[in-house]
Amino acid sequence: MTSQLLLIVAESYRLTGLGVLAIGRPSEPVLQQFALHTKLEVRLHYPDGRQQVVVASVEKCRGQPTQLRPTRQQQRKRMQYCS
């Protein structure tokens, strides 16, 4: 299988017991080609050059990001809308 850039992370949230929710830029709809809950082997590329391979799943969140670093109250509200 060939490698493909799936998204550039605009926001991320640590979800206790679940892992990390990574939200891509709204202009990157490439994940829509996969069914919900599809498991993918993903290679993360960090700004400092590190790389890590993890298993991720495709999920859907409702709502629009309001800023890159939301307040704690905004984070809680947004997490309530995640399916």
PDB file of N, CA and C in Angstrom:
ATOM      1  N   MET A   1       0.842  -1.178   0.000  1.00  0.00           N
ATOM      2  CA  MET A   1       0.000   0.000   0.000  1.00  0.00           C
ATOM      3  C   MET A   1       0.888   1.241   0.000  1.00  0.00           C
ATOM      4  N   THR A   2       0.530   2.215  -0.801  1.00  0.00           N
ATOM      5  CA  THR A   2       1.331   3.433  -0.877  1.00  0.00           C
ATOM      6  C   THR A   2       0.990   4.384   0.260  1.00  0.00           C
ATOM      7  N   SER A   3       1.955   5.212   0.618  1.00  0.00           N
ATOM      8  CA  SER A   3       1.736   6.213   1.663  1.00  0.00           C
ATOM      9  C   SER A   3       0.949   7.377   1.090  1.00  0.00           C
ATOM     10  N   GLN A   4       0.124   7.988   1.953  1.00  0.00           N
ATOM     11  CA  GLN A   4      -0.702   9.115   1.541  1.00  0.00           C
ATOM     12  C   GLN A   4      -0.826  10.077   2.709  1.00  0.00           C
ATOM     13  N   LEU A   5      -0.658  11.378   2.464  1.00  0.00           N
ATOM     14  CA  LEU A   5      -0.861  12.372   3.511  1.00  0.00           C
ATOM     15  C   LEU A   5      -2.353  12.462   3.788  1.00  0.00           C
ATOM     16  N   LEU A   6      -2.759  12.121   5.016  1.00  0.00           N
ATOM     17  CA  LEU A   6      -4.175  12.123   5.367  1.00  0.00           C
ATOM     18  C   LEU A   6      -4.635  13.450   5.939  1.00  0.00           C
ATOM     19  N   LEU A   7      -3.815  14.049   6.786  1.00  0.00           N
ATOM     20  CA  LEU A   7      -4.192  15.339   7.344  1.00  0.00           C
ATOM     21  C   LEU A   7      -3.013  15.984   8.037  1.00  0.00           C
ATOM     22  N   ILE A   8      -3.112  17.289   8.176  1.00  0.00           N
ATOM     23  CA  ILE A   8      -2.185  18.050   9.004  1.00  0.00           C
ATOM     24  C   ILE A   8      -2.990  18.464  10.220  1.00  0.00           C
ATOM     25  N   VAL A   9      -2.508  18.131  11.401  1.00  0.00           N
ATOM     26  CA  VAL A   9      -3.256  18.361  12.638  1.00  0.00           C
ATOM     27  C   VAL A   9      -3.340  19.852  12.941  1.00  0.00           C
ATOM     28  N   ALA A  10      -4.566  20.339  13.090  1.00  0.00           N
ATOM     29  CA  ALA A  10      -4.801  21.729  13.483  1.00  0.00           C
ATOM     30  C   ALA A  10      -4.991  21.819  14.989  1.00  0.00           C
ATOM     31  N   GLU A  11      -5.623  20.796  15.569  1.00  0.00           N
ATOM     32  CA  GLU A  11      -5.877  20.747  17.011  1.00  0.00           C
ATOM     33  C   GLU A  11      -5.770  19.302  17.468  1.00  0.00           C
ATOM     34  N   SER A  12      -5.408  19.106  18.728  1.00  0.00           N
ATOM     35  CA  SER A  12      -5.430  17.756  19.291  1.00  0.00           C
ATOM     36  C   SER A  12      -5.823  17.838  20.756  1.00  0.00           C
ATOM     37  N   TYR A  13      -6.498  16.794  21.211  1.00  0.00           N
ATOM     38  CA  TYR A  13      -6.976  16.725  22.594  1.00  0.00           C
ATOM     39  C   TYR A  13      -6.694  15.340  23.143  1.00  0.00           C
ATOM     40  N   ARG A  14      -6.174  15.266  24.355  1.00  0.00           N
ATOM     41  CA  ARG A  14      -5.978  13.983  25.026  1.00  0.00           C
ATOM     42  C   ARG A  14      -7.315  13.594  25.654  1.00  0.00           C
ATOM     43  N   LEU A  15      -7.810  12.411  25.310  1.00  0.00           N
ATOM     44  CA  LEU A  15      -9.069  11.904  25.838  1.00  0.00           C
ATOM     45  C   LEU A  15      -8.746  10.746  26.767  1.00  0.00           C
ATOM     46  N   THR A  16      -8.875  10.966  28.051  1.00  0.00           N
ATOM     47  CA  THR A  16      -8.516   9.970  29.051  1.00  0.00           C
ATOM     48  C   THR A  16      -9.191   8.637  28.751  1.00  0.00           C
ATOM     49  N   GLY A  17      -8.394   7.595  28.663  1.00  0.00           N
ATOM     50  CA  GLY A  17      -8.902   6.257  28.413  1.00  0.00           C
ATOM     51  C   GLY A  17      -9.155   5.942  26.943  1.00  0.00           C
ATOM     52  N   LEU A  18      -9.105   6.946  26.089  1.00  0.00           N
ATOM     53  CA  LEU A  18      -9.388   6.734  24.668  1.00  0.00           C
ATOM     54  C   LEU A  18      -8.200   7.008  23.765  1.00  0.00           C
ATOM     55  N   GLY A  19      -7.309   7.876  24.177  1.00  0.00           N
ATOM     56  CA  GLY A  19      -6.159   8.234  23.343  1.00  0.00           C
ATOM     57  C   GLY A  19      -6.160   9.710  23.034  1.00  0.00           C
ATOM     58  N   VAL A  20      -5.876  10.043  21.792  1.00  0.00           N
ATOM     59  CA  VAL A  20      -5.788  11.439  21.369  1.00  0.00           C
ATOM     60  C   VAL A  20      -6.742  11.665  20.204  1.00  0.00           C
ATOM     61  N   LEU A  21      -7.483  12.752  20.277  1.00  0.00           N
ATOM     62  CA  LEU A  21      -8.338  13.171  19.178  1.00  0.00           C
ATOM     63  C   LEU A  21      -7.559  14.205  18.379  1.00  0.00           C
ATOM     64  N   ALA A  22      -7.261  13.903  17.119  1.00  0.00           N
ATOM     65  CA  ALA A  22      -6.544  14.835  16.240  1.00  0.00           C
ATOM     66  C   ALA A  22      -7.538  15.384  15.227  1.00  0.00           C
ATOM     67  N   ILE A  23      -7.622  16.697  15.157  1.00  0.00           N
ATOM     68  CA  ILE A  23      -8.550  17.354  14.243  1.00  0.00           C
ATOM     69  C   ILE A  23      -7.734  18.021  13.141  1.00  0.00           C
ATOM     70  N   GLY A  24      -8.044  17.672  11.907  1.00  0.00           N
ATOM     71  CA  GLY A  24      -7.331  18.240  10.766  1.00  0.00           C
ATOM     72  C   GLY A  24      -7.913  19.565  10.325  1.00  0.00           C
ATOM     73  N   ARG A  25      -7.212  20.199   9.420  1.00  0.00           N
ATOM     74  CA  ARG A  25      -7.704  21.443   8.831  1.00  0.00           C
ATOM     75  C   ARG A  25      -9.000  21.155   8.078  1.00  0.00           C
ATOM     76  N   PRO A  26      -9.971  22.076   8.139  1.00  0.00           N
ATOM     77  CA  PRO A  26     -11.253  21.849   7.447  1.00  0.00           C
ATOM     78  C   PRO A  26     -11.111  21.647   5.945  1.00  0.00           C
ATOM     79  N   SER A  27     -10.061  22.170   5.335  1.00  0.00           N
ATOM     80  CA  SER A  27      -9.901  22.062   3.885  1.00  0.00           C
ATOM     81  C   SER A  27      -9.278  20.733   3.453  1.00  0.00           C
ATOM     82  N   GLU A  28      -9.142  19.783   4.362  1.00  0.00           N
ATOM     83  CA  GLU A  28      -8.517  18.498   4.038  1.00  0.00           C
ATOM     84  C   GLU A  28      -9.525  17.354   4.192  1.00  0.00           C
ATOM     85  N   PRO A  29     -10.389  17.139   3.184  1.00  0.00           N
ATOM     86  CA  PRO A  29     -11.442  16.126   3.299  1.00  0.00           C
ATOM     87  C   PRO A  29     -11.012  14.709   2.917  1.00  0.00           C
ATOM     88  N   VAL A  30      -9.718  14.439   2.819  1.00  0.00           N
ATOM     89  CA  VAL A  30      -9.241  13.142   2.329  1.00  0.00           C
ATOM     90  C   VAL A  30      -9.742  11.975   3.186  1.00  0.00           C
ATOM     91  N   LEU A  31      -9.991  12.190   4.473  1.00  0.00           N
ATOM     92  CA  LEU A  31     -10.460  11.094   5.328  1.00  0.00           C
ATOM     93  C   LEU A  31     -11.883  10.666   4.997  1.00  0.00           C
ATOM     94  N   GLN A  32     -12.614  11.466   4.239  1.00  0.00           N
ATOM     95  CA  GLN A  32     -13.989  11.114   3.887  1.00  0.00           C
ATOM     96  C   GLN A  32     -14.061   9.886   2.985  1.00  0.00           C
ATOM     97  N   GLN A  33     -12.944   9.485   2.398  1.00  0.00           N
ATOM     98  CA  GLN A  33     -12.940   8.290   1.551  1.00  0.00           C
ATOM     99  C   GLN A  33     -13.046   7.005   2.371  1.00  0.00           C
ATOM    100  N   PHE A  34     -12.836   7.097   3.681  1.00  0.00           N
ATOM    101  CA  PHE A  34     -12.882   5.927   4.556  1.00  0.00           C
ATOM    102  C   PHE A  34     -14.197   5.892   5.334  1.00  0.00           C
ATOM    103  N   ALA A  35     -14.718   4.695   5.573  1.00  0.00           N
ATOM    104  CA  ALA A  35     -15.917   4.546   6.398  1.00  0.00           C
ATOM    105  C   ALA A  35     -15.590   4.899   7.847  1.00  0.00           C
ATOM    106  N   LEU A  36     -16.605   5.337   8.589  1.00  0.00           N
ATOM    107  CA  LEU A  36     -16.404   5.616  10.012  1.00  0.00           C
ATOM    108  C   LEU A  36     -15.861   4.381  10.715  1.00  0.00           C
ATOM    109  N   HIS A  37     -14.984   4.596  11.662  1.00  0.00           N
ATOM    110  CA  HIS A  37     -14.373   3.565  12.502  1.00  0.00           C
ATOM    111  C   HIS A  37     -13.375   2.676  11.751  1.00  0.00           C
ATOM    112  N   THR A  38     -13.009   3.047  10.521  1.00  0.00           N
ATOM    113  CA  THR A  38     -11.974   2.313   9.794  1.00  0.00           C
ATOM    114  C   THR A  38     -10.661   2.433  10.552  1.00  0.00           C
ATOM    115  N   LYS A  39      -9.994   1.308  10.761  1.00  0.00           N
ATOM    116  CA  LYS A  39      -8.686   1.307  11.435  1.00  0.00           C
ATOM    117  C   LYS A  39      -7.595   1.520  10.392  1.00  0.00           C
ATOM    118  N   LEU A  40      -6.680   2.434  10.687  1.00  0.00           N
ATOM    119  CA  LEU A  40      -5.587   2.760   9.777  1.00  0.00           C
ATOM    120  C   LEU A  40      -4.263   2.716  10.519  1.00  0.00           C
ATOM    121  N   GLU A  41      -3.228   2.194   9.860  1.00  0.00           N
ATOM    122  CA  GLU A  41      -1.876   2.317  10.410  1.00  0.00           C
ATOM    123  C   GLU A  41      -1.362   3.681   9.958  1.00  0.00           C
ATOM    124  N   VAL A  42      -1.017   4.519  10.916  1.00  0.00           N
ATOM    125  CA  VAL A  42      -0.670   5.913  10.635  1.00  0.00           C
ATOM    126  C   VAL A  42       0.752   6.195  11.101  1.00  0.00           C
ATOM    127  N   ARG A  43       1.501   6.899  10.282  1.00  0.00           N
ATOM    128  CA  ARG A  43       2.845   7.355  10.676  1.00  0.00           C
ATOM    129  C   ARG A  43       2.738   8.834  11.016  1.00  0.00           C
ATOM    130  N   LEU A  44       3.016   9.150  12.280  1.00  0.00           N
ATOM    131  CA  LEU A  44       2.997  10.538  12.737  1.00  0.00           C
ATOM    132  C   LEU A  44       4.359  11.164  12.491  1.00  0.00           C
ATOM    133  N   HIS A  45       4.377  12.366  11.966  1.00  0.00           N
ATOM    134  CA  HIS A  45       5.612  13.132  11.739  1.00  0.00           C
ATOM    135  C   HIS A  45       5.547  14.361  12.634  1.00  0.00           C
ATOM    136  N   TYR A  46       6.417  14.418  13.627  1.00  0.00           N
ATOM    137  CA  TYR A  46       6.443  15.541  14.562  1.00  0.00           C
ATOM    138  C   TYR A  46       7.307  16.673  14.013  1.00  0.00           C
ATOM    139  N   PRO A  47       7.041  17.915  14.446  1.00  0.00           N
ATOM    140  CA  PRO A  47       7.835  19.059  13.972  1.00  0.00           C
ATOM    141  C   PRO A  47       9.334  18.915  14.227  1.00  0.00           C
ATOM    142  N   ASP A  48       9.708  18.184  15.290  1.00  0.00           N
ATOM    143  CA  ASP A  48      11.138  18.038  15.603  1.00  0.00           C
ATOM    144  C   ASP A  48      11.809  16.912  14.802  1.00  0.00           C
ATOM    145  N   GLY A  49      11.072  16.303  13.870  1.00  0.00           N
ATOM    146  CA  GLY A  49      11.647  15.267  13.022  1.00  0.00           C
ATOM    147  C   GLY A  49      11.361  13.843  13.475  1.00  0.00           C
ATOM    148  N   ARG A  50      10.895  13.655  14.711  1.00  0.00           N
ATOM    149  CA  ARG A  50      10.570  12.304  15.184  1.00  0.00           C
ATOM    150  C   ARG A  50       9.403  11.744  14.380  1.00  0.00           C
ATOM    151  N   GLN A  51       9.349  10.413  14.287  1.00  0.00           N
ATOM    152  CA  GLN A  51       8.242   9.727  13.637  1.00  0.00           C
ATOM    153  C   GLN A  51       7.777   8.594  14.540  1.00  0.00           C
ATOM    154  N   GLN A  52       6.499   8.274  14.453  1.00  0.00           N
ATOM    155  CA  GLN A  52       5.935   7.199  15.263  1.00  0.00           C
ATOM    156  C   GLN A  52       4.801   6.558  14.471  1.00  0.00           C
ATOM    157  N   VAL A  53       4.751   5.225  14.464  1.00  0.00           N
ATOM    158  CA  VAL A  53       3.672   4.502  13.797  1.00  0.00           C
ATOM    159  C   VAL A  53       2.660   4.080  14.855  1.00  0.00           C
ATOM    160  N   VAL A  54       1.384   4.397  14.608  1.00  0.00           N
ATOM    161  CA  VAL A  54       0.308   4.068  15.539  1.00  0.00           C
ATOM    162  C   VAL A  54      -0.897   3.570  14.743  1.00  0.00           C
ATOM    163  N   VAL A  55      -1.840   2.953  15.435  1.00  0.00           N
ATOM    164  CA  VAL A  55      -3.107   2.574  14.834  1.00  0.00           C
ATOM    165  C   VAL A  55      -4.119   3.647  15.208  1.00  0.00           C
ATOM    166  N   ALA A  56      -4.855   4.116  14.215  1.00  0.00           N
ATOM    167  CA  ALA A  56      -5.858   5.154  14.440  1.00  0.00           C
ATOM    168  C   ALA A  56      -7.167   4.712  13.803  1.00  0.00           C
ATOM    169  N   SER A  57      -8.252   5.347  14.203  1.00  0.00           N
ATOM    170  CA  SER A  57      -9.535   5.061  13.570  1.00  0.00           C
ATOM    171  C   SER A  57     -10.164   6.368  13.101  1.00  0.00           C
ATOM    172  N   VAL A  58     -10.969   6.256  12.061  1.00  0.00           N
ATOM    173  CA  VAL A  58     -11.651   7.416  11.497  1.00  0.00           C
ATOM    174  C   VAL A  58     -12.905   7.668  12.319  1.00  0.00           C
ATOM    175  N   GLU A  59     -13.048   8.872  12.824  1.00  0.00           N
ATOM    176  CA  GLU A  59     -14.209   9.258  13.621  1.00  0.00           C
ATOM    177  C   GLU A  59     -14.792  10.538  13.046  1.00  0.00           C
ATOM    178  N   LYS A  60     -15.968  10.899  13.499  1.00  0.00           N
ATOM    179  CA  LYS A  60     -16.623  12.110  13.013  1.00  0.00           C
ATOM    180  C   LYS A  60     -16.947  13.008  14.193  1.00  0.00           C
ATOM    181  N   CYS A  61     -16.624  14.284  14.059  1.00  0.00           N
ATOM    182  CA  CYS A  61     -16.969  15.279  15.078  1.00  0.00           C
ATOM    183  C   CYS A  61     -17.828  16.345  14.429  1.00  0.00           C
ATOM    184  N   ARG A  62     -18.801  16.808  15.175  1.00  0.00           N
ATOM    185  CA  ARG A  62     -19.629  17.906  14.687  1.00  0.00           C
ATOM    186  C   ARG A  62     -19.121  19.203  15.275  1.00  0.00           C
ATOM    187  N   GLY A  63     -19.328  20.283  14.572  1.00  0.00           N
ATOM    188  CA  GLY A  63     -18.913  21.595  15.064  1.00  0.00           C
ATOM    189  C   GLY A  63     -17.690  22.088  14.338  1.00  0.00           C
ATOM    190  N   GLN A  64     -17.487  23.375  14.382  1.00  0.00           N
ATOM    191  CA  GLN A  64     -16.360  24.006  13.715  1.00  0.00           C
ATOM    192  C   GLN A  64     -15.347  24.471  14.738  1.00  0.00           C
ATOM    193  N   PRO A  65     -14.048  24.254  14.494  1.00  0.00           N
ATOM    194  CA  PRO A  65     -13.029  24.805  15.387  1.00  0.00           C
ATOM    195  C   PRO A  65     -13.118  26.326  15.387  1.00  0.00           C
ATOM    196  N   THR A  66     -13.005  26.931  16.565  1.00  0.00           N
ATOM    197  CA  THR A  66     -13.101  28.386  16.663  1.00  0.00           C
ATOM    198  C   THR A  66     -11.735  29.035  16.717  1.00  0.00           C
ATOM    199  N   GLN A  67     -10.743  28.333  17.203  1.00  0.00           N
ATOM    200  CA  GLN A  67      -9.382  28.860  17.273  1.00  0.00           C
ATOM    201  C   GLN A  67      -8.437  27.690  17.461  1.00  0.00           C
ATOM    202  N   LEU A  68      -7.151  27.898  17.250  1.00  0.00           N
ATOM    203  CA  LEU A  68      -6.208  26.790  17.348  1.00  0.00           C
ATOM    204  C   LEU A  68      -5.979  26.334  18.773  1.00  0.00           C
ATOM    205  N   ARG A  69      -6.055  27.242  19.742  1.00  0.00           N
ATOM    206  CA  ARG A  69      -5.878  26.870  21.142  1.00  0.00           C
ATOM    207  C   ARG A  69      -7.134  27.248  21.924  1.00  0.00           C
ATOM    208  N   PRO A  70      -8.148  26.365  21.924  1.00  0.00           N
ATOM    209  CA  PRO A  70      -9.398  26.696  22.612  1.00  0.00           C
ATOM    210  C   PRO A  70      -9.227  26.723  24.125  1.00  0.00           C
ATOM    211  N   THR A  71     -10.106  27.462  24.774  1.00  0.00           N
ATOM    212  CA  THR A  71     -10.107  27.501  26.233  1.00  0.00           C
ATOM    213  C   THR A  71     -10.566  26.146  26.759  1.00  0.00           C
ATOM    214  N   ARG A  72     -10.349  25.889  28.041  1.00  0.00           N
ATOM    215  CA  ARG A  72     -10.772  24.618  28.645  1.00  0.00           C
ATOM    216  C   ARG A  72     -12.289  24.435  28.492  1.00  0.00           C
ATOM    217  N   GLN A  73     -13.049  25.517  28.667  1.00  0.00           N
ATOM    218  CA  GLN A  73     -14.502  25.438  28.528  1.00  0.00           C
ATOM    219  C   GLN A  73     -14.878  25.061  27.089  1.00  0.00           C
ATOM    220  N   GLN A  74     -14.199  25.639  26.108  1.00  0.00           N
ATOM    221  CA  GLN A  74     -14.465  25.294  24.717  1.00  0.00           C
ATOM    222  C   GLN A  74     -14.098  23.840  24.432  1.00  0.00           C
ATOM    223  N   GLN A  75     -13.010  23.351  25.041  1.00  0.00           N
ATOM    224  CA  GLN A  75     -12.609  21.960  24.841  1.00  0.00           C
ATOM    225  C   GLN A  75     -13.692  21.026  25.353  1.00  0.00           C
ATOM    226  N   ARG A  76     -14.202  21.301  26.561  1.00  0.00           N
ATOM    227  CA  ARG A  76     -15.250  20.441  27.131  1.00  0.00           C
ATOM    228  C   ARG A  76     -16.492  20.449  26.246  1.00  0.00           C
ATOM    229  N   LYS A  77     -16.873  21.635  25.794  1.00  0.00           N
ATOM    230  CA  LYS A  77     -18.060  21.754  24.958  1.00  0.00           C
ATOM    231  C   LYS A  77     -17.876  20.987  23.652  1.00  0.00           C
ATOM    232  N   ARG A  78     -16.707  21.131  23.026  1.00  0.00           N
ATOM    233  CA  ARG A  78     -16.450  20.455  21.755  1.00  0.00           C
ATOM    234  C   ARG A  78     -16.443  18.945  21.939  1.00  0.00           C
ATOM    235  N   MET A  79     -15.861  18.453  23.035  1.00  0.00           N
ATOM    236  CA  MET A  79     -15.804  17.004  23.261  1.00  0.00           C
ATOM    237  C   MET A  79     -17.204  16.421  23.424  1.00  0.00           C
ATOM    238  N   GLN A  80     -18.151  17.214  23.927  1.00  0.00           N
ATOM    239  CA  GLN A  80     -19.521  16.731  24.071  1.00  0.00           C
ATOM    240  C   GLN A  80     -20.160  16.470  22.713  1.00  0.00           C
ATOM    241  N   TYR A  81     -19.703  17.183  21.681  1.00  0.00           N
ATOM    242  CA  TYR A  81     -20.284  17.034  20.351  1.00  0.00           C
ATOM    243  C   TYR A  81     -19.662  15.914  19.538  1.00  0.00           C
ATOM    244  N   CYS A  82     -18.572  15.330  20.016  1.00  0.00           N
ATOM    245  CA  CYS A  82     -17.910  14.265  19.256  1.00  0.00           C
ATOM    246  C   CYS A  82     -18.727  12.987  19.305  1.00  0.00           C
ATOM    247  N   SER A  83     -18.878  12.357  18.166  1.00  0.00           N
ATOM    248  CA  SER A  83     -19.630  11.097  18.107  1.00  0.00           C
ATOM    249  C   SER A  83     -18.728   9.953  18.480  1.00  0.00           C
TER     250      SER A  83
END
